[in-house]
């Protein structure tokens, strides 16, 4: 009989330990419920902001436009490697999509955009600029080195379907140059629809 009593006492749970475990689980459940509520509120805010962005886009209220020049005071290049042009004199940056430190335009909304670039360069060096969407070259403009041509001008344009977050920029390949003064080398773009 003593043996049976001993076995029964080991099978009985300690009520104090069970109560503490139950309280701890209740606290965890409350914390998880609060976290879920916070996440649901965030999801609603995110969904709401995307809805508003879509409405603004389709009603023509979203405006995105860029117009900038590169002004460094003279010849820009040639360099030993490809260079993304950072157009540092920004006239228009509606929608804050253009970063003048990096030279990169990041599409704030999905849509159809128009981009153009122009340059002026001396004829004694080759000149070439290329418009990129993400890592893909879209269009280019170039002129070869010439001993009898004192100056060169060039440009190009493209209409691009962009997704939100796509990047557009102008690159100058290695061993080429442009003129970066007298408001002559520019990059512009805007949202069409």
Protein backbone atom coordinates (compact mmCIF):
# COMPACT_ATOMS: atom_id res chain seq x y z
CA UNK A 1 0.00 0.00 0.00
CA UNK A 2 2.87 2.35 0.68
CA UNK A 3 4.19 1.65 -2.76
CA UNK A 4 0.82 2.57 -4.34
CA UNK A 5 0.65 5.84 -2.41
CA UNK A 6 4.17 6.72 -3.52
CA UNK A 7 3.28 6.06 -7.20
CA UNK A 8 0.10 8.13 -6.93
CA UNK A 9 1.91 11.10 -5.45
CA UNK A 10 4.32 11.21 -8.39
CA UNK A 11 1.37 11.27 -10.82
CA UNK A 12 -0.31 14.23 -9.15
CA UNK A 13 0.69 17.50 -10.80
CA UNK A 14 1.88 20.36 -8.66
CA UNK A 15 -1.01 22.81 -8.82
CA UNK A 16 1.23 25.77 -8.14
CA UNK A 17 3.44 24.92 -11.14
CA UNK A 18 0.40 24.41 -13.36
CA UNK A 19 -1.06 27.74 -12.29
CA UNK A 20 2.18 29.56 -13.09
CA UNK A 21 2.42 27.86 -16.50
CA UNK A 22 -1.18 28.77 -17.24
CA UNK A 23 -0.57 32.42 -16.30
CA UNK A 24 2.56 32.54 -18.48
CA UNK A 25 0.64 31.10 -21.46
CA UNK A 26 -2.17 33.61 -20.92
CA UNK A 27 0.36 36.48 -20.99
CA UNK A 28 1.89 35.11 -24.20
CA UNK A 29 -1.56 34.82 -25.78
CA UNK A 30 -2.38 38.44 -24.89
CA UNK A 31 0.96 39.59 -26.33
CA UNK A 32 0.32 37.64 -29.56
CA UNK A 33 -3.20 39.08 -29.85
CA UNK A 34 -1.82 42.62 -29.45
CA UNK A 35 0.87 41.95 -32.05
CA UNK A 36 -1.74 40.58 -34.47
CA UNK A 37 -3.89 43.71 -34.00
CA UNK A 38 -0.86 45.92 -34.71
CA UNK A 39 -0.01 43.95 -37.86
CA UNK A 40 -3.62 44.10 -39.06
CA UNK A 41 -3.68 47.90 -38.58
CA UNK A 42 -0.44 48.17 -40.56
CA UNK A 43 -1.86 46.01 -43.34
CA UNK A 44 -4.95 48.21 -43.52
CA UNK A 45 -2.77 51.35 -43.68
CA UNK A 46 -0.60 49.82 -46.41
CA UNK A 47 -3.62 48.64 -48.38
CA UNK A 48 -5.21 52.07 -47.95
CA UNK A 49 -2.10 53.92 -49.15
CA UNK A 50 -1.85 51.67 -52.25
CA UNK A 51 -5.52 52.28 -52.95
CA UNK A 52 -5.04 56.04 -52.65
CA UNK A 53 -1.96 55.87 -54.90
CA UNK A 54 -3.96 53.96 -57.52
CA UNK A 55 -6.83 56.46 -57.38
CA UNK A 56 -4.45 59.41 -57.67
CA UNK A 57 -2.65 57.79 -60.59
CA UNK A 58 -5.83 57.04 -62.55
CA UNK A 59 -7.33 60.47 -61.91
CA UNK A 60 -4.17 62.21 -63.07
CA UNK A 61 -3.31 63.54 -59.63
CA UNK A 62 0.09 61.80 -59.45
CA UNK A 63 2.77 64.05 -60.90
CA UNK A 64 6.31 62.92 -61.60
CA UNK A 65 8.77 65.11 -63.49
CA UNK A 66 12.53 65.57 -63.61
CA UNK A 67 14.78 68.14 -65.26
CA UNK A 68 18.45 68.37 -64.33
CA UNK A 69 21.83 69.47 -65.68
CA UNK A 70 25.36 68.39 -64.97
CA UNK A 71 27.39 71.42 -63.92
CA UNK A 72 30.95 70.68 -62.82
CA UNK A 73 32.71 73.49 -64.68
CA UNK A 74 34.24 72.20 -67.90
CA UNK A 75 35.00 68.84 -69.42
CA UNK A 76 33.57 65.84 -67.61
CA UNK A 77 35.73 62.83 -68.43
CA UNK A 78 37.23 60.91 -69.98
CA UNK A 79 37.40 58.37 -67.17
CA UNK A 80 38.97 54.89 -67.04
CA UNK A 81 35.63 53.24 -66.24
CA UNK A 82 31.94 53.65 -67.02
CA UNK A 83 30.32 56.44 -64.98
CA UNK A 84 26.68 57.07 -64.07
CA UNK A 85 26.14 60.79 -64.57
CA UNK A 86 24.93 62.53 -61.42
CA UNK A 87 23.13 65.58 -62.77
CA UNK A 88 23.73 67.93 -59.87
CA UNK A 89 21.77 71.04 -60.89
CA UNK A 90 18.15 69.98 -60.47
CA UNK A 91 15.49 72.35 -61.77
CA UNK A 92 12.49 70.09 -61.33
CA UNK A 93 12.05 66.97 -59.20
CA UNK A 94 8.32 66.62 -58.73
CA UNK A 95 7.66 63.41 -56.84
CA UNK A 96 11.24 63.28 -55.47
CA UNK A 97 12.06 60.38 -57.79
CA UNK A 98 15.50 61.64 -58.85
CA UNK A 99 18.57 61.37 -56.60
CA UNK A 100 21.15 63.99 -57.62
CA UNK A 101 23.89 62.26 -55.59
CA UNK A 102 23.61 58.96 -57.48
CA UNK A 103 22.12 60.17 -60.77
CA UNK A 104 19.37 57.57 -60.51
CA UNK A 105 15.66 58.12 -61.15
CA UNK A 106 13.51 55.57 -59.27
CA UNK A 107 9.93 55.22 -60.50
CA UNK A 108 7.59 56.10 -57.61
CA UNK A 109 4.57 54.57 -59.39
CA UNK A 110 4.00 52.09 -62.18
CA UNK A 111 3.33 53.81 -65.49
CA UNK A 112 4.58 54.97 -68.87
CA UNK A 113 7.41 57.51 -68.68
CA UNK A 114 9.23 59.68 -71.24
CA UNK A 115 12.98 60.28 -70.82
CA UNK A 116 15.44 62.34 -72.80
CA UNK A 117 19.08 63.34 -72.52
CA UNK A 118 21.23 65.82 -74.42
CA UNK A 119 24.92 66.62 -74.32
CA UNK A 120 27.54 68.95 -75.72
CA UNK A 121 31.14 67.78 -76.08
CA UNK A 122 34.43 68.84 -77.59
CA UNK A 123 35.36 67.16 -80.87
CA UNK A 124 38.86 66.16 -79.76
CA UNK A 125 37.54 63.27 -77.65
CA UNK A 126 34.91 60.63 -78.34
CA UNK A 127 31.54 61.30 -76.72
CA UNK A 128 28.85 58.79 -75.84
CA UNK A 129 25.94 58.64 -73.41
CA UNK A 130 23.59 55.71 -72.83
CA UNK A 131 20.17 55.60 -71.16
CA UNK A 132 19.63 52.55 -68.92
CA UNK A 133 16.53 50.99 -67.40
CA UNK A 134 17.73 48.95 -64.44
CA UNK A 135 20.80 47.25 -65.96
CA UNK A 136 19.59 47.22 -69.57
CA UNK A 137 20.79 49.82 -72.08
CA UNK A 138 17.78 51.31 -73.89
CA UNK A 139 19.20 53.99 -76.23
CA UNK A 140 22.51 55.74 -76.86
CA UNK A 141 23.94 58.76 -78.60
CA UNK A 142 27.57 59.03 -79.64
CA UNK A 143 30.12 60.81 -81.80
CA UNK A 144 33.65 59.77 -82.65
CA UNK A 145 36.81 61.77 -82.06
CA UNK A 146 37.48 64.28 -84.83
CA UNK A 147 40.42 66.53 -85.58
CA UNK A 148 38.43 68.99 -87.70
CA UNK A 149 35.21 69.14 -85.69
CA UNK A 150 35.41 71.57 -82.77
CA UNK A 151 32.23 70.51 -80.96
CA UNK A 152 29.65 67.76 -80.91
CA UNK A 153 26.06 67.66 -79.74
CA UNK A 154 23.86 64.64 -79.26
CA UNK A 155 20.84 63.27 -77.53
CA UNK A 156 18.19 60.61 -77.54
CA UNK A 157 14.83 59.77 -75.98
CA UNK A 158 12.71 56.79 -74.99
CA UNK A 159 9.22 56.03 -73.78
CA UNK A 160 9.44 53.33 -71.10
CA UNK A 161 6.92 51.18 -69.25
CA UNK A 162 8.21 51.19 -65.66
CA UNK A 163 7.16 49.29 -62.58
CA UNK A 164 7.33 51.00 -59.21
CA UNK A 165 10.98 50.83 -58.10
CA UNK A 166 12.51 50.50 -61.59
CA UNK A 167 15.59 52.67 -62.05
CA UNK A 168 16.54 54.86 -65.01
CA UNK A 169 19.90 56.59 -65.40
CA UNK A 170 22.41 57.90 -67.94
CA UNK A 171 25.86 56.32 -68.20
CA UNK A 172 28.97 57.52 -69.93
CA UNK A 173 31.22 54.65 -71.05
CA UNK A 174 34.93 54.68 -70.22
CA UNK A 175 37.19 56.92 -72.35
CA UNK A 176 34.37 59.28 -73.39
CA UNK A 177 33.53 62.80 -72.25
CA UNK A 178 30.86 65.50 -72.24
CA UNK A 179 30.90 69.20 -71.48
CA UNK A 180 29.56 69.97 -68.00
CA UNK A 181 29.05 73.71 -68.06
CA UNK A 182 26.97 76.34 -69.88
CA UNK A 183 23.71 74.43 -69.28
CA UNK A 184 24.45 72.04 -72.15
CA UNK A 185 24.24 68.47 -70.77
CA UNK A 186 20.79 67.54 -69.45
CA UNK A 187 18.54 64.68 -68.34
CA UNK A 188 14.75 64.98 -68.22
CA UNK A 189 11.79 62.71 -67.74
CA UNK A 190 8.16 62.65 -66.73
CA UNK A 191 5.21 60.34 -66.17
CA UNK A 192 2.92 60.15 -69.20
CA UNK A 193 0.23 57.85 -67.81
